[in-house]
């Protein structure tokens, strides 16, 4: 049985009944974490787009329609690229793993992540973990580049393979440390949730 970490939601109350239900952030645990300019601001494909970055105070309302006399209601932090990031591209060693059952579009998701990391953020080290969580310590890996994923969206399933459960969390953590992986992108549903916390 895996360790279950429960965190209380971060709730911020504002005027007129505004409530922000926030998510934990790296800076909650490491307040002195340095930031770097987002590589997107130097990317020619995005330099022409004005106001591309999400403002840190942007939120999305849970309910779109509210009455003028009703409280403003619950809001959530808006997703999207920020002007400052918490990594330098040349120091990132990312990995992608697919867990659980198969579903349409997994190869497309893998392809978009690899191309986005590479073309948009300049990340050059991207590893594919084969066979789900167990692949971390079974040493089944492939190097992922825009060239290797160029046409995988035309195939069904996942080029990485997948599995449900049956893994050793401490071996996964050891493997991540041994390989120098700094970012793990885990794709899945119920199979993902059965993984390490």
C-alpha atoms as a PDB file:
ATOM      1  CA  UNK A   1       0.000   0.000   0.000  1.00  0.00           C
ATOM      2  CA  UNK A   2       1.406   3.378  -1.027  1.00  0.00           C
ATOM      3  CA  UNK A   3       1.872   6.328   1.258  1.00  0.00           C
ATOM      4  CA  UNK A   4      -1.050   8.731   0.959  1.00  0.00           C
ATOM      5  CA  UNK A   5      -0.286  12.414   1.397  1.00  0.00           C
ATOM      6  CA  UNK A   6      -3.286  14.583   2.180  1.00  0.00           C
ATOM      7  CA  UNK A   7      -3.054  18.321   1.852  1.00  0.00           C
ATOM      8  CA  UNK A   8      -5.641  20.872   2.779  1.00  0.00           C
ATOM      9  CA  UNK A   9      -6.675  23.145  -0.070  1.00  0.00           C
ATOM     10  CA  UNK A  10      -5.328  26.682   0.029  1.00  0.00           C
ATOM     11  CA  UNK A  11      -8.340  28.958   0.398  1.00  0.00           C
ATOM     12  CA  UNK A  12      -8.105  32.729  -0.078  1.00  0.00           C
ATOM     13  CA  UNK A  13     -11.095  34.942   0.726  1.00  0.00           C
ATOM     14  CA  UNK A  14     -11.620  38.312  -0.926  1.00  0.00           C
ATOM     15  CA  UNK A  15     -14.220  41.040  -1.294  1.00  0.00           C
ATOM     16  CA  UNK A  16     -17.822  40.427  -2.415  1.00  0.00           C
ATOM     17  CA  UNK A  17     -17.715  36.722  -1.580  1.00  0.00           C
ATOM     18  CA  UNK A  18     -14.709  35.948  -3.811  1.00  0.00           C
ATOM     19  CA  UNK A  19     -13.092  32.628  -2.847  1.00  0.00           C
ATOM     20  CA  UNK A  20      -9.905  31.308  -4.459  1.00  0.00           C
ATOM     21  CA  UNK A  21      -9.447  27.568  -4.056  1.00  0.00           C
ATOM     22  CA  UNK A  22      -5.763  27.354  -4.865  1.00  0.00           C
ATOM     23  CA  UNK A  23      -3.423  24.411  -5.397  1.00  0.00           C
ATOM     24  CA  UNK A  24      -0.118  23.755  -3.609  1.00  0.00           C
ATOM     25  CA  UNK A  25       2.849  25.419  -5.293  1.00  0.00           C
ATOM     26  CA  UNK A  26       6.572  24.665  -5.189  1.00  0.00           C
ATOM     27  CA  UNK A  27       7.164  27.921  -3.330  1.00  0.00           C
ATOM     28  CA  UNK A  28       4.929  26.696  -0.487  1.00  0.00           C
ATOM     29  CA  UNK A  29       7.663  24.168   0.283  1.00  0.00           C
ATOM     30  CA  UNK A  30      10.730  26.031  -1.049  1.00  0.00           C
ATOM     31  CA  UNK A  31      10.083  29.769  -0.654  1.00  0.00           C
ATOM     32  CA  UNK A  32      13.564  30.794  -1.870  1.00  0.00           C
ATOM     33  CA  UNK A  33      13.360  28.860  -5.141  1.00  0.00           C
ATOM     34  CA  UNK A  34      14.997  30.907  -7.929  1.00  0.00           C
ATOM     35  CA  UNK A  35      13.079  31.793 -11.098  1.00  0.00           C
ATOM     36  CA  UNK A  36      14.224  32.274 -14.685  1.00  0.00           C
ATOM     37  CA  UNK A  37      12.771  34.049 -17.724  1.00  0.00           C
ATOM     38  CA  UNK A  38      10.392  31.795 -19.661  1.00  0.00           C
ATOM     39  CA  UNK A  39      12.110  30.586 -22.871  1.00  0.00           C
ATOM     40  CA  UNK A  40       8.862  31.255 -24.743  1.00  0.00           C
ATOM     41  CA  UNK A  41       9.558  34.986 -24.698  1.00  0.00           C
ATOM     42  CA  UNK A  42      12.545  34.424 -27.035  1.00  0.00           C
ATOM     43  CA  UNK A  43      10.768  31.888 -29.239  1.00  0.00           C
ATOM     44  CA  UNK A  44      10.091  33.428 -32.688  1.00  0.00           C
ATOM     45  CA  UNK A  45       6.808  31.529 -32.985  1.00  0.00           C
ATOM     46  CA  UNK A  46       5.446  33.223 -29.854  1.00  0.00           C
ATOM     47  CA  UNK A  47       7.164  36.605 -29.880  1.00  0.00           C
ATOM     48  CA  UNK A  48       4.452  38.151 -32.052  1.00  0.00           C
ATOM     49  CA  UNK A  49       1.705  37.201 -29.615  1.00  0.00           C
ATOM     50  CA  UNK A  50       1.014  39.990 -27.147  1.00  0.00           C
ATOM     51  CA  UNK A  51      -0.119  39.181 -23.608  1.00  0.00           C
ATOM     52  CA  UNK A  52       0.706  35.494 -24.146  1.00  0.00           C
ATOM     53  CA  UNK A  53       1.708  34.898 -20.546  1.00  0.00           C
ATOM     54  CA  UNK A  54      -0.866  34.292 -17.860  1.00  0.00           C
ATOM     55  CA  UNK A  55      -0.882  36.900 -15.102  1.00  0.00           C
ATOM     56  CA  UNK A  56      -0.138  35.340 -11.712  1.00  0.00           C
ATOM     57  CA  UNK A  57      -3.404  36.755 -10.334  1.00  0.00           C
ATOM     58  CA  UNK A  58      -5.648  35.436 -13.153  1.00  0.00           C
ATOM     59  CA  UNK A  59      -8.399  33.109 -11.997  1.00  0.00           C
ATOM     60  CA  UNK A  60     -11.254  31.201 -13.609  1.00  0.00           C
ATOM     61  CA  UNK A  61     -14.738  31.250 -12.063  1.00  0.00           C
ATOM     62  CA  UNK A  62     -16.349  27.936 -11.131  1.00  0.00           C
ATOM     63  CA  UNK A  63     -19.743  29.302 -12.201  1.00  0.00           C
ATOM     64  CA  UNK A  64     -19.889  31.471 -15.288  1.00  0.00           C
ATOM     65  CA  UNK A  65     -23.248  33.059 -14.518  1.00  0.00           C
ATOM     66  CA  UNK A  66     -23.704  35.000 -11.296  1.00  0.00           C
ATOM     67  CA  UNK A  67     -26.379  37.502 -10.333  1.00  0.00           C
ATOM     68  CA  UNK A  68     -25.384  41.059  -9.519  1.00  0.00           C
ATOM     69  CA  UNK A  69     -26.417  40.598  -5.900  1.00  0.00           C
ATOM     70  CA  UNK A  70     -24.891  37.142  -5.437  1.00  0.00           C
ATOM     71  CA  UNK A  71     -21.387  36.503  -4.050  1.00  0.00           C
ATOM     72  CA  UNK A  72     -18.622  36.258  -6.639  1.00  0.00           C
ATOM     73  CA  UNK A  73     -18.175  32.568  -5.783  1.00  0.00           C
ATOM     74  CA  UNK A  74     -15.339  30.079  -6.049  1.00  0.00           C
ATOM     75  CA  UNK A  75     -12.444  30.652  -8.441  1.00  0.00           C
ATOM     76  CA  UNK A  76      -9.467  28.531  -9.463  1.00  0.00           C
ATOM     77  CA  UNK A  77      -5.951  29.455 -10.529  1.00  0.00           C
ATOM     78  CA  UNK A  78      -5.737  29.910 -14.324  1.00  0.00           C
ATOM     79  CA  UNK A  79      -3.405  27.507 -16.132  1.00  0.00           C
ATOM     80  CA  UNK A  80      -0.961  28.581 -18.800  1.00  0.00           C
ATOM     81  CA  UNK A  81       2.595  29.819 -19.332  1.00  0.00           C
ATOM     82  CA  UNK A  82       4.027  32.284 -16.829  1.00  0.00           C
ATOM     83  CA  UNK A  83       6.681  34.946 -17.495  1.00  0.00           C
ATOM     84  CA  UNK A  84       9.011  33.322 -14.958  1.00  0.00           C
ATOM     85  CA  UNK A  85       9.684  29.585 -14.652  1.00  0.00           C
ATOM     86  CA  UNK A  86      11.437  27.467 -12.033  1.00  0.00           C
ATOM     87  CA  UNK A  87      13.891  25.690 -14.329  1.00  0.00           C
ATOM     88  CA  UNK A  88      16.613  26.360 -16.873  1.00  0.00           C
ATOM     89  CA  UNK A  89      16.052  24.387 -20.071  1.00  0.00           C
ATOM     90  CA  UNK A  90      19.557  22.957 -20.314  1.00  0.00           C
ATOM     91  CA  UNK A  91      19.280  21.527 -16.793  1.00  0.00           C
ATOM     92  CA  UNK A  92      15.995  19.715 -17.415  1.00  0.00           C
ATOM     93  CA  UNK A  93      16.049  15.936 -17.853  1.00  0.00           C
ATOM     94  CA  UNK A  94      12.413  14.992 -18.440  1.00  0.00           C
ATOM     95  CA  UNK A  95      10.763  11.605 -18.628  1.00  0.00           C
ATOM     96  CA  UNK A  96       7.351  10.509 -19.862  1.00  0.00           C
ATOM     97  CA  UNK A  97       5.526   7.371 -18.741  1.00  0.00           C
ATOM     98  CA  UNK A  98       2.043   6.047 -19.565  1.00  0.00           C
ATOM     99  CA  UNK A  99       0.171   4.060 -16.903  1.00  0.00           C
ATOM    100  CA  UNK A 100      -3.087   2.150 -16.674  1.00  0.00           C
ATOM    101  CA  UNK A 101      -5.288   1.140 -19.605  1.00  0.00           C
ATOM    102  CA  UNK A 102      -5.098   2.304 -23.171  1.00  0.00           C
ATOM    103  CA  UNK A 103      -7.188   5.123 -24.556  1.00  0.00           C
ATOM    104  CA  UNK A 104      -7.276   6.958 -27.889  1.00  0.00           C
ATOM    105  CA  UNK A 105      -4.787   9.775 -28.255  1.00  0.00           C
ATOM    106  CA  UNK A 106      -1.990   8.654 -25.922  1.00  0.00           C
ATOM    107  CA  UNK A 107       0.599   8.801 -28.722  1.00  0.00           C
ATOM    108  CA  UNK A 108      -0.638  12.266 -29.660  1.00  0.00           C
ATOM    109  CA  UNK A 109      -0.179  13.421 -26.059  1.00  0.00           C
ATOM    110  CA  UNK A 110       3.357  11.984 -25.978  1.00  0.00           C
ATOM    111  CA  UNK A 111       4.169  13.675 -29.302  1.00  0.00           C
ATOM    112  CA  UNK A 112       2.859  17.072 -28.199  1.00  0.00           C
ATOM    113  CA  UNK A 113       4.746  16.950 -24.894  1.00  0.00           C
ATOM    114  CA  UNK A 114       8.022  16.054 -26.624  1.00  0.00           C
ATOM    115  CA  UNK A 115       7.609  18.689 -29.350  1.00  0.00           C
ATOM    116  CA  UNK A 116       6.496  21.323 -26.833  1.00  0.00           C
ATOM    117  CA  UNK A 117       9.407  20.672 -24.486  1.00  0.00           C
ATOM    118  CA  UNK A 118      11.865  20.663 -27.363  1.00  0.00           C
ATOM    119  CA  UNK A 119      10.626  23.412 -29.700  1.00  0.00           C
ATOM    120  CA  UNK A 120       9.037  25.765 -27.188  1.00  0.00           C
ATOM    121  CA  UNK A 121      11.260  25.391 -24.125  1.00  0.00           C
ATOM    122  CA  UNK A 122      14.543  24.118 -25.564  1.00  0.00           C
ATOM    123  CA  UNK A 123      14.658  20.920 -23.495  1.00  0.00           C
ATOM    124  CA  UNK A 124      16.995  18.385 -25.137  1.00  0.00           C
ATOM    125  CA  UNK A 125      16.928  15.447 -22.701  1.00  0.00           C
ATOM    126  CA  UNK A 126      13.595  13.614 -22.818  1.00  0.00           C
ATOM    127  CA  UNK A 127      13.343   9.961 -21.873  1.00  0.00           C
ATOM    128  CA  UNK A 128      10.442   7.576 -22.509  1.00  0.00           C
ATOM    129  CA  UNK A 129       9.854   4.991 -19.779  1.00  0.00           C
ATOM    130  CA  UNK A 130       8.539   1.764 -21.310  1.00  0.00           C
ATOM    131  CA  UNK A 131       5.992  -0.474 -19.607  1.00  0.00           C
ATOM    132  CA  UNK A 132       4.425   1.857 -17.058  1.00  0.00           C
ATOM    133  CA  UNK A 133       5.789   2.456 -13.566  1.00  0.00           C
ATOM    134  CA  UNK A 134       7.769  -0.791 -13.576  1.00  0.00           C
ATOM    135  CA  UNK A 135       9.778   0.514 -16.518  1.00  0.00           C
ATOM    136  CA  UNK A 136      11.563   2.927 -14.191  1.00  0.00           C
ATOM    137  CA  UNK A 137      13.553   0.132 -12.589  1.00  0.00           C
ATOM    138  CA  UNK A 138      13.389  -2.464 -15.362  1.00  0.00           C
ATOM    139  CA  UNK A 139      15.703  -0.099 -17.311  1.00  0.00           C
ATOM    140  CA  UNK A 140      13.375  -0.040 -20.331  1.00  0.00           C
ATOM    141  CA  UNK A 141      13.805   3.426 -21.804  1.00  0.00           C
ATOM    142  CA  UNK A 142      13.924   5.174 -25.160  1.00  0.00           C
ATOM    143  CA  UNK A 143      15.206   8.600 -26.071  1.00  0.00           C
ATOM    144  CA  UNK A 144      12.386  10.853 -27.271  1.00  0.00           C
ATOM    145  CA  UNK A 145      13.024  13.631 -29.781  1.00  0.00           C
ATOM    146  CA  UNK A 146      10.731  15.472 -32.199  1.00  0.00           C
ATOM    147  CA  UNK A 147      12.140  13.217 -34.934  1.00  0.00           C
ATOM    148  CA  UNK A 148      11.413   9.942 -33.102  1.00  0.00           C
ATOM    149  CA  UNK A 149       7.821  10.985 -32.323  1.00  0.00           C
ATOM    150  CA  UNK A 150       7.136  12.638 -35.687  1.00  0.00           C
ATOM    151  CA  UNK A 151       4.427  10.218 -36.855  1.00  0.00           C
ATOM    152  CA  UNK A 152       3.424   8.312 -33.717  1.00  0.00           C
ATOM    153  CA  UNK A 153       0.061  10.105 -33.604  1.00  0.00           C
ATOM    154  CA  UNK A 154      -0.973   7.933 -36.577  1.00  0.00           C
ATOM    155  CA  UNK A 155      -0.610   4.750 -34.510  1.00  0.00           C
ATOM    156  CA  UNK A 156      -2.914   3.384 -31.844  1.00  0.00           C
ATOM    157  CA  UNK A 157      -2.022   2.710 -28.236  1.00  0.00           C
ATOM    158  CA  UNK A 158       1.143   4.104 -26.723  1.00  0.00           C
ATOM    159  CA  UNK A 159       4.662   3.638 -28.076  1.00  0.00           C
ATOM    160  CA  UNK A 160       5.840   3.464 -24.474  1.00  0.00           C
ATOM    161  CA  UNK A 161       3.608   0.586 -23.458  1.00  0.00           C
ATOM    162  CA  UNK A 162       1.705   0.595 -20.199  1.00  0.00           C
ATOM    163  CA  UNK A 163       0.844  -1.513 -17.157  1.00  0.00           C
ATOM    164  CA  UNK A 164      -1.459  -1.431 -14.170  1.00  0.00           C
ATOM    165  CA  UNK A 165       0.100  -1.361 -10.708  1.00  0.00           C
ATOM    166  CA  UNK A 166       2.543  -3.963  -9.466  1.00  0.00           C
ATOM    167  CA  UNK A 167       5.410  -1.557  -8.862  1.00  0.00           C
ATOM    168  CA  UNK A 168       7.916  -0.792  -6.118  1.00  0.00           C
ATOM    169  CA  UNK A 169       7.822   2.912  -5.185  1.00  0.00           C
ATOM    170  CA  UNK A 170      11.277   2.968  -3.575  1.00  0.00           C
ATOM    171  CA  UNK A 171      12.825   1.465  -6.725  1.00  0.00           C
ATOM    172  CA  UNK A 172      11.089   4.130  -8.849  1.00  0.00           C
ATOM    173  CA  UNK A 173      12.478   6.910  -6.653  1.00  0.00           C
ATOM    174  CA  UNK A 174      15.970   5.366  -6.764  1.00  0.00           C
ATOM    175  CA  UNK A 175      15.780   5.107 -10.559  1.00  0.00           C
ATOM    176  CA  UNK A 176      14.684   8.733 -10.933  1.00  0.00           C
ATOM    177  CA  UNK A 177      17.631   9.830  -8.775  1.00  0.00           C
ATOM    178  CA  UNK A 178      20.129   7.514 -10.527  1.00  0.00           C
ATOM    179  CA  UNK A 179      19.106   8.770 -13.978  1.00  0.00           C
ATOM    180  CA  UNK A 180      19.156  12.425 -12.925  1.00  0.00           C
ATOM    181  CA  UNK A 181      15.532  12.948 -13.950  1.00  0.00           C
ATOM    182  CA  UNK A 182      14.263  16.379 -12.910  1.00  0.00           C
ATOM    183  CA  UNK A 183      10.741  16.337 -14.430  1.00  0.00           C
ATOM    184  CA  UNK A 184       8.376  13.349 -14.602  1.00  0.00           C
ATOM    185  CA  UNK A 185       5.299  13.544 -16.806  1.00  0.00           C
ATOM    186  CA  UNK A 186       2.885  10.731 -16.000  1.00  0.00           C
ATOM    187  CA  UNK A 187      -0.021  10.138 -18.385  1.00  0.00           C
ATOM    188  CA  UNK A 188      -2.996   8.003 -17.371  1.00  0.00           C
ATOM    189  CA  UNK A 189      -6.176   7.689 -15.391  1.00  0.00           C
ATOM    190  CA  UNK A 190      -6.893   5.116 -12.701  1.00  0.00           C
ATOM    191  CA  UNK A 191      -3.557   3.397 -13.376  1.00  0.00           C
ATOM    192  CA  UNK A 192      -1.754   6.653 -12.727  1.00  0.00           C
ATOM    193  CA  UNK A 193      -3.567   7.120  -9.432  1.00  0.00           C
ATOM    194  CA  UNK A 194      -2.398   3.724  -8.233  1.00  0.00           C
ATOM    195  CA  UNK A 195       1.185   4.916  -8.553  1.00  0.00           C
ATOM    196  CA  UNK A 196       3.540   6.487  -6.077  1.00  0.00           C
ATOM    197  CA  UNK A 197       2.285   9.654  -4.352  1.00  0.00           C
END
